[in-house]
All heavy atoms as atom14 arrays in JSON, in Angstrom:
{
  "sequence": "SIPKTRDQLLPALWRVYEHFHYLNPDIIGELSR",
  "atom14_mask": [
    [1, 1, 1, 1, 1, 1, 0, 0, 0, 0, 0, 0, 0, 0],
    [1, 1, 1, 1, 1, 1, 1, 1, 0, 0, 0, 0, 0, 0],
    [1, 1, 1, 1, 1, 1, 1, 0, 0, 0, 0, 0, 0, 0],
    [1, 1, 1, 1, 1, 1, 1, 1, 1, 0, 0, 0, 0, 0],
    [1, 1, 1, 1, 1, 1, 1, 0, 0, 0, 0, 0, 0, 0],
    [1, 1, 1, 1, 1, 1, 1, 1, 1, 1, 1, 0, 0, 0],
    [1, 1, 1, 1, 1, 1, 1, 1, 0, 0, 0, 0, 0, 0],
    [1, 1, 1, 1, 1, 1, 1, 1, 1, 0, 0, 0, 0, 0],
    [1, 1, 1, 1, 1, 1, 1, 1, 0, 0, 0, 0, 0, 0],
    [1, 1, 1, 1, 1, 1, 1, 1, 0, 0, 0, 0, 0, 0],
    [1, 1, 1, 1, 1, 1, 1, 0, 0, 0, 0, 0, 0, 0],
    [1, 1, 1, 1, 1, 0, 0, 0, 0, 0, 0, 0, 0, 0],
    [1, 1, 1, 1, 1, 1, 1, 1, 0, 0, 0, 0, 0, 0],
    [1, 1, 1, 1, 1, 1, 1, 1, 1, 1, 1, 1, 1, 1],
    [1, 1, 1, 1, 1, 1, 1, 1, 1, 1, 1, 0, 0, 0],
    [1, 1, 1, 1, 1, 1, 1, 0, 0, 0, 0, 0, 0, 0],
    [1, 1, 1, 1, 1, 1, 1, 1, 1, 1, 1, 1, 0, 0],
    [1, 1, 1, 1, 1, 1, 1, 1, 1, 0, 0, 0, 0, 0],
    [1, 1, 1, 1, 1, 1, 1, 1, 1, 1, 0, 0, 0, 0],
    [1, 1, 1, 1, 1, 1, 1, 1, 1, 1, 1, 0, 0, 0],
    [1, 1, 1, 1, 1, 1, 1, 1, 1, 1, 0, 0, 0, 0],
    [1, 1, 1, 1, 1, 1, 1, 1, 1, 1, 1, 1, 0, 0],
    [1, 1, 1, 1, 1, 1, 1, 1, 0, 0, 0, 0, 0, 0],
    [1, 1, 1, 1, 1, 1, 1, 1, 0, 0, 0, 0, 0, 0],
    [1, 1, 1, 1, 1, 1, 1, 0, 0, 0, 0, 0, 0, 0],
    [1, 1, 1, 1, 1, 1, 1, 1, 0, 0, 0, 0, 0, 0],
    [1, 1, 1, 1, 1, 1, 1, 1, 0, 0, 0, 0, 0, 0],
    [1, 1, 1, 1, 1, 1, 1, 1, 0, 0, 0, 0, 0, 0],
    [1, 1, 1, 1, 0, 0, 0, 0, 0, 0, 0, 0, 0, 0],
    [1, 1, 1, 1, 1, 1, 1, 1, 1, 0, 0, 0, 0, 0],
    [1, 1, 1, 1, 1, 1, 1, 1, 0, 0, 0, 0, 0, 0],
    [1, 1, 1, 1, 1, 1, 0, 0, 0, 0, 0, 0, 0, 0],
    [1, 1, 1, 1, 1, 1, 1, 1, 1, 1, 1, 0, 0, 0]
  ],
  "atom14_positions": [
    [[8.38, -4.71, 6.71], [9.63, -5.09, 6.04], [9.88, -4.32, 4.74], [10.84, -4.62, 4.04], [9.63, -6.59, 5.75], [8.6, -6.9, 4.83], [0.0, 0.0, 0.0], [0.0, 0.0, 0.0], [0.0, 0.0, 0.0], [0.0, 0.0, 0.0], [0.0, 0.0, 0.0], [0.0, 0.0, 0.0], [0.0, 0.0, 0.0], [0.0, 0.0, 0.0]],
    [[9.03, -3.35, 4.44], [9.19, -2.57, 3.2], [9.69, -1.18, 3.56], [9.08, -0.5, 4.38], [7.85, -2.47, 2.44], [7.41, -3.86, 1.95], [7.98, -1.53, 1.25], [6.09, -3.87, 1.24], [0.0, 0.0, 0.0], [0.0, 0.0, 0.0], [0.0, 0.0, 0.0], [0.0, 0.0, 0.0], [0.0, 0.0, 0.0], [0.0, 0.0, 0.0]],
    [[10.79, -0.74, 2.94], [11.25, 0.64, 3.18], [10.16, 1.64, 2.76], [9.47, 1.44, 1.76], [12.48, 0.78, 2.28], [12.91, -0.62, 2.0], [11.66, -1.46, 2.03], [0.0, 0.0, 0.0], [0.0, 0.0, 0.0], [0.0, 0.0, 0.0], [0.0, 0.0, 0.0], [0.0, 0.0, 0.0], [0.0, 0.0, 0.0], [0.0, 0.0, 0.0]],
    [[9.99, 2.66, 3.53], [8.94, 3.67, 3.26], [9.47, 4.71, 2.28], [9.54, 5.9, 2.57], [8.49, 4.35, 4.56], [8.11, 3.42, 5.69], [6.99, 2.49, 5.34], [6.52, 1.65, 6.49], [7.42, 0.62, 6.97], [0.0, 0.0, 0.0], [0.0, 0.0, 0.0], [0.0, 0.0, 0.0], [0.0, 0.0, 0.0], [0.0, 0.0, 0.0]],
    [[9.85, 4.25, 1.1], [10.38, 5.13, 0.06], [9.5, 5.04, -1.18], [8.81, 4.04, -1.4], [11.82, 4.74, -0.3], [11.85, 3.37, -0.71], [12.76, 4.94, 0.9], [0.0, 0.0, 0.0], [0.0, 0.0, 0.0], [0.0, 0.0, 0.0], [0.0, 0.0, 0.0], [0.0, 0.0, 0.0], [0.0, 0.0, 0.0], [0.0, 0.0, 0.0]],
    [[9.56, 6.09, -1.97], [8.73, 6.21, -3.17], [8.93, 5.01, -4.12], [7.97, 4.54, -4.72], [9.06, 7.54, -3.86], [8.1, 7.93, -4.91], [8.39, 9.36, -5.41], [7.35, 10.24, -4.93], [7.46, 11.13, -3.97], [8.6, 11.29, -3.35], [6.45, 11.88, -3.61], [0.0, 0.0, 0.0], [0.0, 0.0, 0.0], [0.0, 0.0, 0.0]],
    [[10.15, 4.52, -4.24], [10.41, 3.41, -5.16], [9.82, 2.09, -4.66], [9.79, 1.1, -5.4], [11.9, 3.26, -5.44], [12.71, 2.88, -4.22], [12.35, 3.28, -3.1], [13.74, 2.18, -4.39], [0.0, 0.0, 0.0], [0.0, 0.0, 0.0], [0.0, 0.0, 0.0], [0.0, 0.0, 0.0], [0.0, 0.0, 0.0], [0.0, 0.0, 0.0]],
    [[9.32, 2.05, -3.44], [8.7, 0.85, -2.89], [7.18, 0.94, -2.86], [6.52, 0.09, -2.27], [9.24, 0.6, -1.49], [10.7, 0.22, -1.47], [10.97, -1.04, -2.27], [10.36, -2.08, -2.02], [11.86, -0.97, -3.23], [0.0, 0.0, 0.0], [0.0, 0.0, 0.0], [0.0, 0.0, 0.0], [0.0, 0.0, 0.0], [0.0, 0.0, 0.0]],
    [[6.63, 1.97, -3.5], [5.18, 2.16, -3.48], [4.44, 0.98, -4.12], [3.48, 0.47, -3.56], [4.79, 3.47, -4.16], [3.28, 3.74, -4.27], [2.62, 3.69, -2.89], [3.04, 5.09, -4.94], [0.0, 0.0, 0.0], [0.0, 0.0, 0.0], [0.0, 0.0, 0.0], [0.0, 0.0, 0.0], [0.0, 0.0, 0.0], [0.0, 0.0, 0.0]],
    [[4.87, 0.55, -5.28], [4.16, -0.55, -5.95], [4.24, -1.85, -5.14], [3.21, -2.51, -4.93], [4.66, -0.74, -7.38], [3.81, -1.65, -8.25], [2.34, -1.2, -8.29], [4.37, -1.69, -9.67], [0.0, 0.0, 0.0], [0.0, 0.0, 0.0], [0.0, 0.0, 0.0], [0.0, 0.0, 0.0], [0.0, 0.0, 0.0], [0.0, 0.0, 0.0]],
    [[5.41, -2.25, -4.63], [5.42, -3.44, -3.77], [4.52, -3.27, -2.54], [3.87, -4.23, -2.11], [6.89, -3.59, -3.36], [7.65, -2.91, -4.46], [6.77, -1.76, -4.92], [0.0, 0.0, 0.0], [0.0, 0.0, 0.0], [0.0, 0.0, 0.0], [0.0, 0.0, 0.0], [0.0, 0.0, 0.0], [0.0, 0.0, 0.0], [0.0, 0.0, 0.0]],
    [[4.48, -2.07, -1.98], [3.61, -1.83, -0.82], [2.14, -1.96, -1.21], [1.36, -2.57, -0.49], [3.89, -0.44, -0.24], [0.0, 0.0, 0.0], [0.0, 0.0, 0.0], [0.0, 0.0, 0.0], [0.0, 0.0, 0.0], [0.0, 0.0, 0.0], [0.0, 0.0, 0.0], [0.0, 0.0, 0.0], [0.0, 0.0, 0.0], [0.0, 0.0, 0.0]],
    [[1.78, -1.4, -2.37], [0.4, -1.52, -2.84], [0.01, -2.98, -3.02], [-1.07, -3.41, -2.61], [0.21, -0.77, -4.16], [-0.07, 0.72, -4.06], [0.15, 1.4, -5.4], [-1.48, 0.97, -3.56], [0.0, 0.0, 0.0], [0.0, 0.0, 0.0], [0.0, 0.0, 0.0], [0.0, 0.0, 0.0], [0.0, 0.0, 0.0], [0.0, 0.0, 0.0]],
    [[0.9, -3.77, -3.63], [0.59, -5.18, -3.86], [0.43, -5.92, -2.53], [-0.47, -6.74, -2.37], [1.66, -5.86, -4.71], [1.38, -5.68, -6.16], [2.11, -4.95, -7.05], [0.27, -6.2, -6.91], [1.52, -4.99, -8.29], [0.39, -5.75, -8.24], [-0.82, -7.0, -6.57], [-0.52, -6.08, -9.23], [-1.73, -7.33, -7.57], [-1.57, -6.87, -8.88]],
    [[1.29, -5.63, -1.58], [1.2, -6.33, -0.29], [-0.13, -6.0, 0.4], [-0.81, -6.87, 0.93], [2.37, -5.95, 0.61], [2.31, -6.74, 1.89], [3.57, -6.87, 2.63], [4.65, -7.45, 1.86], [5.92, -7.39, 2.26], [6.22, -6.8, 3.39], [6.86, -7.94, 1.54], [0.0, 0.0, 0.0], [0.0, 0.0, 0.0], [0.0, 0.0, 0.0]],
    [[-0.5, -4.74, 0.38], [-1.76, -4.31, 1.0], [-2.94, -4.91, 0.24], [-3.9, -5.41, 0.83], [-1.83, -2.77, 1.06], [-3.21, -2.28, 1.42], [-0.79, -2.24, 2.05], [0.0, 0.0, 0.0], [0.0, 0.0, 0.0], [0.0, 0.0, 0.0], [0.0, 0.0, 0.0], [0.0, 0.0, 0.0], [0.0, 0.0, 0.0], [0.0, 0.0, 0.0]],
    [[-2.86, -4.89, -1.09], [-3.95, -5.44, -1.91], [-4.11, -6.94, -1.68], [-5.23, -7.45, -1.61], [-3.67, -5.15, -3.39], [-4.78, -5.61, -4.28], [-5.95, -4.86, -4.41], [-4.69, -6.8, -5.0], [-6.99, -5.28, -5.22], [-5.72, -7.23, -5.81], [-6.86, -6.46, -5.92], [-7.89, -6.88, -6.72], [0.0, 0.0, 0.0], [0.0, 0.0, 0.0]],
    [[-3.0, -7.65, -1.55], [-3.07, -9.09, -1.33], [-3.76, -9.42, 0.0], [-4.38, -10.47, 0.13], [-1.68, -9.72, -1.37], [-1.13, -9.81, -2.77], [0.34, -10.22, -2.83], [1.01, -10.26, -1.76], [0.81, -10.48, -3.93], [0.0, 0.0, 0.0], [0.0, 0.0, 0.0], [0.0, 0.0, 0.0], [0.0, 0.0, 0.0], [0.0, 0.0, 0.0]],
    [[-3.66, -8.52, 0.95], [-4.34, -8.75, 2.22], [-5.82, -8.39, 2.15], [-6.68, -9.19, 2.53], [-3.69, -7.94, 3.36], [-4.46, -8.05, 4.63], [-4.41, -9.18, 5.43], [-5.35, -7.21, 5.21], [-5.22, -9.0, 6.46], [-5.8, -7.83, 6.36], [0.0, 0.0, 0.0], [0.0, 0.0, 0.0], [0.0, 0.0, 0.0], [0.0, 0.0, 0.0]],
    [[-6.15, -7.18, 1.66], [-7.53, -6.71, 1.67], [-8.33, -7.17, 0.45], [-9.55, -7.16, 0.47], [-7.57, -5.18, 1.75], [-7.09, -4.63, 3.07], [-5.84, -4.05, 3.18], [-7.9, -4.7, 4.19], [-5.4, -3.54, 4.39], [-7.46, -4.19, 5.41], [-6.21, -3.62, 5.51], [0.0, 0.0, 0.0], [0.0, 0.0, 0.0], [0.0, 0.0, 0.0]],
    [[-7.66, -7.5, -0.65], [-8.27, -7.93, -1.92], [-9.03, -6.81, -2.63], [-9.82, -7.08, -3.54], [-9.18, -9.15, -1.73], [-8.44, -10.32, -1.16], [-7.5, -11.03, -1.87], [-8.49, -10.87, 0.08], [-7.01, -11.98, -1.11], [-7.58, -11.91, 0.09], [0.0, 0.0, 0.0], [0.0, 0.0, 0.0], [0.0, 0.0, 0.0], [0.0, 0.0, 0.0]],
    [[-8.84, -5.59, -2.21], [-9.38, -4.43, -2.9], [-8.72, -3.19, -2.3], [-8.06, -3.26, -1.26], [-10.9, -4.34, -2.78], [-11.43, -3.91, -1.43], [-11.98, -2.64, -1.27], [-11.39, -4.76, -0.33], [-12.47, -2.24, -0.03], [-11.87, -4.37, 0.89], [-12.42, -3.1, 1.04], [-12.9, -2.69, 2.25], [0.0, 0.0, 0.0], [0.0, 0.0, 0.0]],
    [[-8.88, -2.07, -2.98], [-8.39, -0.79, -2.48], [-9.59, 0.15, -2.37], [-10.54, 0.03, -3.12], [-7.35, -0.19, -3.44], [-6.08, -1.03, -3.65], [-5.2, -0.4, -4.71], [-5.31, -1.21, -2.35], [0.0, 0.0, 0.0], [0.0, 0.0, 0.0], [0.0, 0.0, 0.0], [0.0, 0.0, 0.0], [0.0, 0.0, 0.0], [0.0, 0.0, 0.0]],
    [[-9.52, 1.07, -1.43], [-10.55, 2.1, -1.3], [-9.88, 3.37, -0.79], [-8.68, 3.35, -0.47], [-11.7, 1.63, -0.41], [-11.31, 1.46, 1.04], [-10.31, 1.99, 1.52], [-12.11, 0.7, 1.78], [0.0, 0.0, 0.0], [0.0, 0.0, 0.0], [0.0, 0.0, 0.0], [0.0, 0.0, 0.0], [0.0, 0.0, 0.0], [0.0, 0.0, 0.0]],
    [[-10.6, 4.48, -0.72], [-9.97, 5.73, -0.28], [-9.32, 5.64, 1.11], [-8.27, 6.25, 1.35], [-11.12, 6.73, -0.3], [-12.03, 6.2, -1.36], [-11.96, 4.71, -1.21], [0.0, 0.0, 0.0], [0.0, 0.0, 0.0], [0.0, 0.0, 0.0], [0.0, 0.0, 0.0], [0.0, 0.0, 0.0], [0.0, 0.0, 0.0], [0.0, 0.0, 0.0]],
    [[-9.92, 4.89, 2.03], [-9.34, 4.77, 3.37], [-8.0, 4.03, 3.33], [-7.04, 4.42, 4.0], [-10.29, 4.03, 4.31], [-11.55, 4.82, 4.63], [-11.51, 6.06, 4.51], [-12.57, 4.19, 4.97], [0.0, 0.0, 0.0], [0.0, 0.0, 0.0], [0.0, 0.0, 0.0], [0.0, 0.0, 0.0], [0.0, 0.0, 0.0], [0.0, 0.0, 0.0]],
    [[-7.94, 2.96, 2.56], [-6.71, 2.18, 2.44], [-5.63, 3.03, 1.76], [-4.49, 3.08, 2.22], [-6.96, 0.87, 1.68], [-7.86, -0.05, 2.51], [-5.65, 0.18, 1.31], [-8.38, -1.28, 1.78], [0.0, 0.0, 0.0], [0.0, 0.0, 0.0], [0.0, 0.0, 0.0], [0.0, 0.0, 0.0], [0.0, 0.0, 0.0], [0.0, 0.0, 0.0]],
    [[-5.99, 3.7, 0.68], [-5.04, 4.56, -0.03], [-4.55, 5.67, 0.9], [-3.36, 5.98, 0.95], [-5.68, 5.16, -1.3], [-5.99, 4.06, -2.31], [-4.79, 6.23, -1.92], [-4.8, 3.35, -2.88], [0.0, 0.0, 0.0], [0.0, 0.0, 0.0], [0.0, 0.0, 0.0], [0.0, 0.0, 0.0], [0.0, 0.0, 0.0], [0.0, 0.0, 0.0]],
    [[-5.47, 6.28, 1.65], [-5.1, 7.35, 2.56], [-4.14, 6.89, 3.64], [-3.17, 7.59, 3.97], [0.0, 0.0, 0.0], [0.0, 0.0, 0.0], [0.0, 0.0, 0.0], [0.0, 0.0, 0.0], [0.0, 0.0, 0.0], [0.0, 0.0, 0.0], [0.0, 0.0, 0.0], [0.0, 0.0, 0.0], [0.0, 0.0, 0.0], [0.0, 0.0, 0.0]],
    [[-4.39, 5.72, 4.19], [-3.52, 5.2, 5.24], [-2.15, 4.82, 4.68], [-1.12, 5.08, 5.29], [-4.16, 3.99, 5.92], [-3.44, 3.53, 7.15], [-3.23, 4.61, 8.2], [-4.13, 5.46, 8.4], [-2.15, 4.61, 8.84], [0.0, 0.0, 0.0], [0.0, 0.0, 0.0], [0.0, 0.0, 0.0], [0.0, 0.0, 0.0], [0.0, 0.0, 0.0]],
    [[-2.12, 4.23, 3.51], [-0.86, 3.9, 2.85], [-0.08, 5.19, 2.56], [1.13, 5.26, 2.8], [-1.13, 3.13, 1.56], [0.05, 2.51, 0.85], [0.78, 1.53, 1.75], [-0.43, 1.8, -0.41], [0.0, 0.0, 0.0], [0.0, 0.0, 0.0], [0.0, 0.0, 0.0], [0.0, 0.0, 0.0], [0.0, 0.0, 0.0], [0.0, 0.0, 0.0]],
    [[-0.78, 6.2, 2.08], [-0.17, 7.5, 1.82], [0.45, 8.08, 3.1], [1.58, 8.55, 3.1], [-1.24, 8.45, 1.27], [-0.81, 9.79, 1.31], [0.0, 0.0, 0.0], [0.0, 0.0, 0.0], [0.0, 0.0, 0.0], [0.0, 0.0, 0.0], [0.0, 0.0, 0.0], [0.0, 0.0, 0.0], [0.0, 0.0, 0.0], [0.0, 0.0, 0.0]],
    [[-0.31, 8.04, 4.18], [0.15, 8.59, 5.45], [1.38, 7.84, 5.96], [2.39, 8.45, 6.33], [-0.97, 8.52, 6.48], [-0.63, 9.23, 7.8], [-1.71, 9.01, 8.86], [-1.73, 7.65, 9.37], [-0.8, 7.13, 10.19], [0.23, 7.84, 10.57], [-0.92, 5.89, 10.63], [0.0, 0.0, 0.0], [0.0, 0.0, 0.0], [0.0, 0.0, 0.0]]
  ]
}
């Protein structure tokens, strides 16, 4: 439900973080991709 645009990066990071409760290179890489 999040547009894949640069201005939505922080909301996307928060949503992913709220699920995994941490970030790592694999998560960052997949979010980047």
